[in-house]
Amino acid sequence: MARFGGTAVTDAGRDAATDQLREHYAAGRLSPGRDPFKIADRRAALARTGRRIMLALGVLTAGSLLFLALLVTALLVRGGLLAAVAAALLAILAVGVAAVAALAWVARRLWRRHAWIEAVPSVSGQPWLSLVARMARLLFTGRALWRLRARLASRA
């Protein structure tokens, strides 16, 4: 017999409750519990929000570059050295924005695939870190396999 709070629970009472739950579930009056926090929905909403923010920043950047291009065009029509300087600055800005966007894209892909782990030893010049990197890769892979096993077990 076990005590929970002020109630005594016997093995027979626990078995009877289990049998009743089993019968009600088999009859379709009960369904399996769902995630009360809806983590998958929250992750999807967060991903959608992130995509919207990135789209807004992209539109803002493209609009700014378009505005500057129009300004440079107007200055070129009027002529002068100022227009040439503004065009050069606009070109430098456009190349810089493209380079930052490309680096962010590559960094994100490396981060999501945990490939940054292999880059650490070569960047830092410490060859012994490759062993640590391999161990970290095994840890991440084992964690992913554990999650996959748990998902497959919950579906069965």
N, C-alpha and C. Protein backbone atom coordinates (compact mmCIF):
# COMPACT_ATOMS: atom_id res chain seq x y z
N MET A 1 0.85 -1.17 0.00
CA MET A 1 0.00 0.00 0.00
C MET A 1 0.90 1.24 0.00
N ALA A 2 0.52 2.20 -0.80
CA ALA A 2 1.26 3.46 -0.89
C ALA A 2 0.34 4.61 -0.50
N ARG A 3 0.95 5.64 0.07
CA ARG A 3 0.17 6.81 0.45
C ARG A 3 0.53 7.98 -0.45
N PHE A 4 -0.49 8.62 -1.02
CA PHE A 4 -0.32 9.83 -1.81
C PHE A 4 -1.21 10.89 -1.21
N GLY A 5 -0.62 11.86 -0.57
CA GLY A 5 -1.41 12.87 0.12
C GLY A 5 -2.10 12.23 1.31
N GLY A 6 -3.42 12.35 1.38
CA GLY A 6 -4.18 11.75 2.48
C GLY A 6 -4.87 10.48 2.06
N THR A 7 -4.60 9.97 0.84
CA THR A 7 -5.31 8.81 0.32
C THR A 7 -4.38 7.62 0.28
N ALA A 8 -4.90 6.46 0.72
CA ALA A 8 -4.14 5.22 0.65
C ALA A 8 -4.52 4.50 -0.65
N VAL A 9 -3.52 4.07 -1.38
CA VAL A 9 -3.74 3.38 -2.65
C VAL A 9 -3.18 1.97 -2.52
N THR A 10 -4.03 0.99 -2.78
CA THR A 10 -3.59 -0.40 -2.73
C THR A 10 -3.28 -0.87 -4.14
N ASP A 11 -2.59 -2.01 -4.22
CA ASP A 11 -2.29 -2.59 -5.53
C ASP A 11 -3.57 -2.98 -6.26
N ALA A 12 -4.54 -3.50 -5.51
CA ALA A 12 -5.80 -3.91 -6.13
C ALA A 12 -6.55 -2.68 -6.69
N GLY A 13 -6.55 -1.58 -5.96
CA GLY A 13 -7.20 -0.36 -6.43
C GLY A 13 -6.51 0.19 -7.67
N ARG A 14 -5.16 0.13 -7.67
CA ARG A 14 -4.41 0.60 -8.83
C ARG A 14 -4.69 -0.27 -10.05
N ASP A 15 -4.75 -1.59 -9.85
CA ASP A 15 -5.05 -2.50 -10.96
C ASP A 15 -6.47 -2.28 -11.49
N ALA A 16 -7.42 -2.03 -10.58
CA ALA A 16 -8.80 -1.80 -11.01
C ALA A 16 -8.90 -0.51 -11.83
N ALA A 17 -8.20 0.53 -11.40
CA ALA A 17 -8.21 1.79 -12.15
C ALA A 17 -7.57 1.61 -13.52
N THR A 18 -6.48 0.84 -13.58
CA THR A 18 -5.82 0.57 -14.86
C THR A 18 -6.75 -0.18 -15.79
N ASP A 19 -7.46 -1.18 -15.26
CA ASP A 19 -8.40 -1.95 -16.09
C ASP A 19 -9.52 -1.06 -16.61
N GLN A 20 -10.04 -0.17 -15.77
CA GLN A 20 -11.10 0.73 -16.21
C GLN A 20 -10.61 1.67 -17.30
N LEU A 21 -9.41 2.21 -17.13
CA LEU A 21 -8.86 3.09 -18.15
C LEU A 21 -8.67 2.34 -19.46
N ARG A 22 -8.18 1.11 -19.39
CA ARG A 22 -7.97 0.30 -20.58
C ARG A 22 -9.30 0.05 -21.30
N GLU A 23 -10.35 -0.27 -20.54
CA GLU A 23 -11.67 -0.52 -21.14
C GLU A 23 -12.22 0.74 -21.81
N HIS A 24 -12.12 1.88 -21.12
CA HIS A 24 -12.64 3.13 -21.68
C HIS A 24 -11.86 3.54 -22.94
N TYR A 25 -10.54 3.29 -22.94
CA TYR A 25 -9.74 3.62 -24.11
C TYR A 25 -10.11 2.72 -25.28
N ALA A 26 -10.29 1.42 -25.00
CA ALA A 26 -10.68 0.48 -26.06
C ALA A 26 -12.05 0.83 -26.63
N ALA A 27 -12.96 1.35 -25.79
CA ALA A 27 -14.29 1.72 -26.26
C ALA A 27 -14.28 3.05 -27.00
N GLY A 28 -13.17 3.77 -26.97
CA GLY A 28 -13.08 5.03 -27.70
C GLY A 28 -13.52 6.24 -26.90
N ARG A 29 -13.71 6.08 -25.62
CA ARG A 29 -14.13 7.22 -24.79
C ARG A 29 -12.95 8.06 -24.32
N LEU A 30 -11.74 7.53 -24.49
CA LEU A 30 -10.53 8.26 -24.12
C LEU A 30 -9.61 8.33 -25.33
N SER A 31 -8.83 9.36 -25.41
CA SER A 31 -7.84 9.47 -26.47
C SER A 31 -6.49 9.72 -25.81
N PRO A 32 -5.40 9.41 -26.53
CA PRO A 32 -4.08 9.68 -25.93
C PRO A 32 -3.87 11.17 -25.72
N GLY A 33 -3.11 11.50 -24.70
CA GLY A 33 -2.86 12.90 -24.38
C GLY A 33 -2.05 13.59 -25.47
N ARG A 34 -2.26 14.86 -25.62
CA ARG A 34 -1.51 15.65 -26.58
C ARG A 34 -0.58 16.58 -25.83
N ASP A 35 0.32 17.17 -26.58
CA ASP A 35 1.28 18.09 -26.00
C ASP A 35 0.56 19.36 -25.57
N PRO A 36 0.47 19.63 -24.25
CA PRO A 36 -0.27 20.82 -23.82
C PRO A 36 0.42 22.13 -24.21
N PHE A 37 1.72 22.08 -24.44
CA PHE A 37 2.45 23.30 -24.77
C PHE A 37 2.51 23.55 -26.27
N LYS A 38 2.12 22.55 -27.06
CA LYS A 38 2.12 22.65 -28.53
C LYS A 38 3.46 23.17 -29.03
N ILE A 39 4.52 22.46 -28.67
CA ILE A 39 5.87 22.90 -29.00
C ILE A 39 6.09 22.94 -30.51
N ALA A 40 5.56 21.94 -31.23
CA ALA A 40 5.74 21.93 -32.68
C ALA A 40 5.07 23.15 -33.31
N ASP A 41 3.89 23.51 -32.81
CA ASP A 41 3.20 24.69 -33.34
C ASP A 41 3.99 25.96 -33.03
N ARG A 42 4.56 26.03 -31.84
CA ARG A 42 5.34 27.21 -31.47
C ARG A 42 6.61 27.34 -32.31
N ARG A 43 7.27 26.19 -32.59
CA ARG A 43 8.45 26.23 -33.44
C ARG A 43 8.09 26.67 -34.85
N ALA A 44 6.98 26.16 -35.37
CA ALA A 44 6.55 26.56 -36.71
C ALA A 44 6.22 28.05 -36.75
N ALA A 45 5.55 28.55 -35.72
CA ALA A 45 5.22 29.98 -35.67
C ALA A 45 6.49 30.82 -35.57
N LEU A 46 7.46 30.36 -34.79
CA LEU A 46 8.73 31.09 -34.67
C LEU A 46 9.47 31.10 -36.00
N ALA A 47 9.45 29.97 -36.71
CA ALA A 47 10.10 29.91 -38.02
C ALA A 47 9.41 30.85 -39.00
N ARG A 48 8.07 30.87 -38.98
CA ARG A 48 7.34 31.79 -39.86
C ARG A 48 7.68 33.25 -39.54
N THR A 49 7.77 33.57 -38.26
CA THR A 49 8.11 34.93 -37.85
C THR A 49 9.51 35.29 -38.31
N GLY A 50 10.44 34.36 -38.16
CA GLY A 50 11.81 34.61 -38.62
C GLY A 50 11.88 34.85 -40.12
N ARG A 51 11.12 34.05 -40.89
CA ARG A 51 11.09 34.25 -42.33
C ARG A 51 10.49 35.61 -42.69
N ARG A 52 9.45 36.01 -41.97
CA ARG A 52 8.83 37.32 -42.25
C ARG A 52 9.78 38.46 -41.93
N ILE A 53 10.53 38.33 -40.84
CA ILE A 53 11.49 39.37 -40.47
C ILE A 53 12.59 39.46 -41.53
N MET A 54 13.09 38.30 -41.97
CA MET A 54 14.14 38.31 -42.99
C MET A 54 13.61 38.89 -44.30
N LEU A 55 12.36 38.58 -44.65
CA LEU A 55 11.76 39.14 -45.85
C LEU A 55 11.63 40.66 -45.73
N ALA A 56 11.20 41.13 -44.56
CA ALA A 56 11.06 42.56 -44.35
C ALA A 56 12.42 43.26 -44.44
N LEU A 57 13.44 42.66 -43.86
CA LEU A 57 14.78 43.26 -43.95
C LEU A 57 15.28 43.26 -45.39
N GLY A 58 14.99 42.20 -46.13
CA GLY A 58 15.39 42.13 -47.53
C GLY A 58 14.69 43.19 -48.36
N VAL A 59 13.40 43.36 -48.13
CA VAL A 59 12.64 44.39 -48.86
C VAL A 59 13.15 45.77 -48.49
N LEU A 60 13.44 45.99 -47.21
CA LEU A 60 13.97 47.29 -46.78
C LEU A 60 15.32 47.58 -47.43
N THR A 61 16.19 46.57 -47.47
CA THR A 61 17.50 46.75 -48.09
C THR A 61 17.37 47.01 -49.58
N ALA A 62 16.52 46.20 -50.25
CA ALA A 62 16.33 46.39 -51.69
C ALA A 62 15.74 47.77 -51.98
N GLY A 63 14.79 48.21 -51.16
CA GLY A 63 14.21 49.54 -51.34
C GLY A 63 15.23 50.64 -51.15
N SER A 64 16.07 50.48 -50.15
CA SER A 64 17.11 51.49 -49.91
C SER A 64 18.09 51.55 -51.07
N LEU A 65 18.49 50.38 -51.58
CA LEU A 65 19.41 50.36 -52.71
C LEU A 65 18.76 50.96 -53.96
N LEU A 66 17.48 50.67 -54.15
CA LEU A 66 16.77 51.24 -55.29
C LEU A 66 16.69 52.76 -55.18
N PHE A 67 16.39 53.24 -53.99
CA PHE A 67 16.33 54.69 -53.77
C PHE A 67 17.69 55.33 -54.05
N LEU A 68 18.76 54.71 -53.55
CA LEU A 68 20.09 55.26 -53.79
C LEU A 68 20.45 55.20 -55.27
N ALA A 69 20.01 54.13 -55.96
CA ALA A 69 20.28 54.05 -57.40
C ALA A 69 19.56 55.16 -58.16
N LEU A 70 18.33 55.41 -57.76
CA LEU A 70 17.59 56.51 -58.39
C LEU A 70 18.26 57.86 -58.10
N LEU A 71 18.74 58.03 -56.89
CA LEU A 71 19.42 59.26 -56.53
C LEU A 71 20.69 59.44 -57.35
N VAL A 72 21.45 58.36 -57.51
CA VAL A 72 22.67 58.43 -58.30
C VAL A 72 22.34 58.72 -59.75
N THR A 73 21.28 58.10 -60.26
CA THR A 73 20.87 58.35 -61.64
C THR A 73 20.52 59.83 -61.83
N ALA A 74 19.79 60.37 -60.87
CA ALA A 74 19.44 61.80 -60.95
C ALA A 74 20.69 62.67 -60.92
N LEU A 75 21.66 62.29 -60.10
CA LEU A 75 22.90 63.07 -60.04
C LEU A 75 23.71 62.91 -61.32
N LEU A 76 23.68 61.73 -61.92
CA LEU A 76 24.41 61.52 -63.16
C LEU A 76 23.83 62.36 -64.29
N VAL A 77 22.51 62.49 -64.29
CA VAL A 77 21.86 63.31 -65.31
C VAL A 77 22.34 64.76 -65.18
N ARG A 78 22.48 65.22 -63.96
CA ARG A 78 22.94 66.60 -63.73
C ARG A 78 24.46 66.71 -63.93
N GLY A 79 25.14 65.55 -63.87
CA GLY A 79 26.59 65.54 -64.10
C GLY A 79 27.37 65.92 -62.86
N GLY A 80 28.68 65.70 -62.95
CA GLY A 80 29.55 66.12 -61.88
C GLY A 80 30.27 64.96 -61.21
N LEU A 81 31.29 65.32 -60.46
CA LEU A 81 32.11 64.35 -59.76
C LEU A 81 31.34 63.71 -58.60
N LEU A 82 30.43 64.45 -58.02
CA LEU A 82 29.65 63.93 -56.91
C LEU A 82 28.85 62.69 -57.32
N ALA A 83 28.35 62.68 -58.53
CA ALA A 83 27.59 61.53 -59.02
C ALA A 83 28.48 60.30 -59.13
N ALA A 84 29.69 60.47 -59.61
CA ALA A 84 30.61 59.34 -59.73
C ALA A 84 30.97 58.78 -58.35
N VAL A 85 31.21 59.65 -57.39
CA VAL A 85 31.51 59.21 -56.02
C VAL A 85 30.32 58.48 -55.42
N ALA A 86 29.12 59.03 -55.61
CA ALA A 86 27.92 58.39 -55.09
C ALA A 86 27.69 57.03 -55.74
N ALA A 87 27.97 56.91 -57.03
CA ALA A 87 27.82 55.63 -57.72
C ALA A 87 28.82 54.60 -57.17
N ALA A 88 30.04 55.03 -56.93
CA ALA A 88 31.05 54.12 -56.37
C ALA A 88 30.64 53.66 -54.97
N LEU A 89 30.16 54.59 -54.16
CA LEU A 89 29.71 54.23 -52.81
C LEU A 89 28.52 53.28 -52.85
N LEU A 90 27.62 53.51 -53.78
CA LEU A 90 26.47 52.62 -53.93
C LEU A 90 26.91 51.22 -54.35
N ALA A 91 27.87 51.13 -55.25
CA ALA A 91 28.39 49.83 -55.67
C ALA A 91 29.06 49.11 -54.51
N ILE A 92 29.84 49.84 -53.73
CA ILE A 92 30.49 49.24 -52.56
C ILE A 92 29.45 48.76 -51.56
N LEU A 93 28.42 49.56 -51.35
CA LEU A 93 27.35 49.17 -50.43
C LEU A 93 26.63 47.92 -50.92
N ALA A 94 26.33 47.86 -52.19
CA ALA A 94 25.62 46.69 -52.75
C ALA A 94 26.47 45.43 -52.63
N VAL A 95 27.75 45.53 -52.91
CA VAL A 95 28.64 44.37 -52.78
C VAL A 95 28.75 43.96 -51.31
N GLY A 96 28.83 44.91 -50.42
CA GLY A 96 28.90 44.59 -48.99
C GLY A 96 27.65 43.90 -48.50
N VAL A 97 26.48 44.39 -48.91
CA VAL A 97 25.23 43.76 -48.50
C VAL A 97 25.15 42.33 -49.04
N ALA A 98 25.54 42.15 -50.29
CA ALA A 98 25.51 40.81 -50.88
C ALA A 98 26.48 39.87 -50.16
N ALA A 99 27.66 40.37 -49.81
CA ALA A 99 28.65 39.54 -49.11
C ALA A 99 28.15 39.15 -47.72
N VAL A 100 27.57 40.08 -46.99
CA VAL A 100 27.04 39.78 -45.66
C VAL A 100 25.90 38.77 -45.75
N ALA A 101 25.03 38.95 -46.73
CA ALA A 101 23.91 38.01 -46.90
C ALA A 101 24.43 36.62 -47.24
N ALA A 102 25.45 36.53 -48.09
CA ALA A 102 26.01 35.23 -48.45
C ALA A 102 26.68 34.58 -47.24
N LEU A 103 27.42 35.34 -46.46
CA LEU A 103 28.06 34.80 -45.26
C LEU A 103 27.02 34.33 -44.23
N ALA A 104 25.95 35.10 -44.08
CA ALA A 104 24.89 34.70 -43.14
C ALA A 104 24.23 33.41 -43.60
N TRP A 105 24.01 33.27 -44.90
CA TRP A 105 23.39 32.06 -45.44
C TRP A 105 24.29 30.85 -45.20
N VAL A 106 25.58 30.99 -45.49
CA VAL A 106 26.53 29.89 -45.29
C VAL A 106 26.64 29.55 -43.81
N ALA A 107 26.73 30.56 -42.96
CA ALA A 107 26.85 30.31 -41.52
C ALA A 107 25.62 29.59 -40.98
N ARG A 108 24.46 29.98 -41.45
CA ARG A 108 23.23 29.32 -40.99
C ARG A 108 23.20 27.86 -41.40
N ARG A 109 23.60 27.57 -42.63
CA ARG A 109 23.62 26.17 -43.10
C ARG A 109 24.64 25.36 -42.31
N LEU A 110 25.79 25.94 -42.05
CA LEU A 110 26.81 25.23 -41.27
C LEU A 110 26.33 24.99 -39.84
N TRP A 111 25.69 25.98 -39.26
CA TRP A 111 25.20 25.85 -37.89
C TRP A 111 24.13 24.77 -37.79
N ARG A 112 23.20 24.74 -38.72
CA ARG A 112 22.11 23.76 -38.66
C ARG A 112 22.61 22.34 -38.88
N ARG A 113 23.70 22.19 -39.62
CA ARG A 113 24.22 20.84 -39.89
C ARG A 113 25.35 20.48 -38.92
N HIS A 114 25.63 21.33 -37.98
CA HIS A 114 26.70 21.13 -37.00
C HIS A 114 28.07 20.97 -37.67
N ALA A 115 28.21 21.49 -38.88
CA ALA A 115 29.48 21.41 -39.60
C ALA A 115 30.51 22.38 -39.04
N TRP A 116 30.06 23.35 -38.27
CA TRP A 116 30.99 24.31 -37.68
C TRP A 116 31.95 23.61 -36.72
N ILE A 117 31.54 22.43 -36.24
CA ILE A 117 32.40 21.71 -35.29
C ILE A 117 33.72 21.32 -35.95
N GLU A 118 33.65 20.88 -37.22
CA GLU A 118 34.88 20.49 -37.91
C GLU A 118 35.73 21.69 -38.30
N ALA A 119 35.13 22.87 -38.40
CA ALA A 119 35.88 24.06 -38.80
C ALA A 119 36.69 24.65 -37.66
N VAL A 120 36.30 24.37 -36.44
CA VAL A 120 36.97 24.98 -35.28
C VAL A 120 38.46 24.63 -35.21
N PRO A 121 38.87 23.34 -35.34
CA PRO A 121 40.31 23.04 -35.23
C PRO A 121 41.16 23.72 -36.29
N SER A 122 40.68 23.75 -37.54
CA SER A 122 41.50 24.36 -38.58
C SER A 122 41.57 25.87 -38.44
N VAL A 123 40.49 26.50 -38.01
CA VAL A 123 40.48 27.95 -37.85
C VAL A 123 41.36 28.37 -36.68
N SER A 124 41.31 27.60 -35.60
CA SER A 124 42.07 27.98 -34.41
C SER A 124 43.52 27.53 -34.46
N GLY A 125 43.87 26.64 -35.41
CA GLY A 125 45.24 26.16 -35.51
C GLY A 125 45.61 25.17 -34.42
N GLN A 126 44.63 24.52 -33.86
CA GLN A 126 44.86 23.53 -32.80
C GLN A 126 44.43 22.15 -33.30
N PRO A 127 45.36 21.33 -33.79
CA PRO A 127 44.96 20.04 -34.36
C PRO A 127 44.36 19.08 -33.33
N TRP A 128 44.71 19.21 -32.06
CA TRP A 128 44.17 18.32 -31.05
C TRP A 128 42.67 18.54 -30.86
N LEU A 129 42.17 19.69 -31.29
CA LEU A 129 40.74 19.95 -31.17
C LEU A 129 39.90 19.08 -32.11
N SER A 130 40.55 18.46 -33.12
CA SER A 130 39.78 17.61 -34.02
C SER A 130 39.18 16.43 -33.27
N LEU A 131 39.89 15.92 -32.26
CA LEU A 131 39.33 14.84 -31.43
C LEU A 131 38.10 15.34 -30.68
N VAL A 132 38.19 16.52 -30.13
CA VAL A 132 37.04 17.11 -29.43
C VAL A 132 35.89 17.33 -30.41
N ALA A 133 36.22 17.75 -31.63
CA ALA A 133 35.18 17.96 -32.64
C ALA A 133 34.49 16.66 -32.99
N ARG A 134 35.27 15.58 -33.13
CA ARG A 134 34.64 14.28 -33.43
C ARG A 134 33.74 13.82 -32.30
N MET A 135 34.18 14.05 -31.07
CA MET A 135 33.35 13.66 -29.92
C MET A 135 32.06 14.48 -29.89
N ALA A 136 32.15 15.77 -30.19
CA ALA A 136 30.95 16.61 -30.22
C ALA A 136 30.02 16.17 -31.34
N ARG A 137 30.58 15.80 -32.50
CA ARG A 137 29.75 15.32 -33.61
C ARG A 137 29.02 14.03 -33.20
N LEU A 138 29.72 13.13 -32.51
CA LEU A 138 29.08 11.90 -32.04
C LEU A 138 27.97 12.22 -31.04
N LEU A 139 28.20 13.21 -30.19
CA LEU A 139 27.19 13.60 -29.21
C LEU A 139 25.94 14.11 -29.91
N PHE A 140 26.12 15.01 -30.88
CA PHE A 140 24.96 15.55 -31.60
C PHE A 140 24.24 14.47 -32.40
N THR A 141 25.00 13.57 -33.03
CA THR A 141 24.39 12.49 -33.80
C THR A 141 23.64 11.54 -32.88
N GLY A 142 24.23 11.20 -31.75
CA GLY A 142 23.56 10.32 -30.80
C GLY A 142 22.29 10.96 -30.26
N ARG A 143 22.32 12.24 -30.02
CA ARG A 143 21.13 12.95 -29.53
C ARG A 143 20.03 12.93 -30.58
N ALA A 144 20.40 13.14 -31.84
CA ALA A 144 19.41 13.12 -32.92
C ALA A 144 18.82 11.72 -33.08
N LEU A 145 19.66 10.70 -32.98
CA LEU A 145 19.15 9.33 -33.09
C LEU A 145 18.25 8.98 -31.91
N TRP A 146 18.58 9.48 -30.74
CA TRP A 146 17.74 9.24 -29.56
C TRP A 146 16.36 9.86 -29.76
N ARG A 147 16.33 11.10 -30.28
CA ARG A 147 15.04 11.76 -30.55
C ARG A 147 14.24 11.00 -31.59
N LEU A 148 14.93 10.53 -32.63
CA LEU A 148 14.24 9.76 -33.67
C LEU A 148 13.65 8.49 -33.09
N ARG A 149 14.41 7.80 -32.24
CA ARG A 149 13.91 6.58 -31.62
C ARG A 149 12.69 6.87 -30.76
N ALA A 150 12.72 7.97 -30.03
CA ALA A 150 11.58 8.34 -29.18
C ALA A 150 10.36 8.67 -30.03
N ARG A 151 10.54 9.35 -31.15
CA ARG A 151 9.41 9.66 -32.03
C ARG A 151 8.81 8.40 -32.61
N LEU A 152 9.67 7.50 -33.07
CA LEU A 152 9.17 6.26 -33.66
C LEU A 152 8.46 5.39 -32.62
N ALA A 153 8.98 5.40 -31.40
CA ALA A 153 8.35 4.62 -30.33
C ALA A 153 7.01 5.22 -29.94
N SER A 154 6.86 6.53 -30.00
CA SER A 154 5.60 7.15 -29.63
C SER A 154 4.54 6.92 -30.72
N ARG A 155 4.94 6.71 -31.95
CA ARG A 155 3.98 6.45 -33.03
C ARG A 155 3.50 5.01 -33.02
N ALA A 156 4.28 4.13 -32.46
CA ALA A 156 3.91 2.70 -32.47
C ALA A 156 2.84 2.39 -31.44
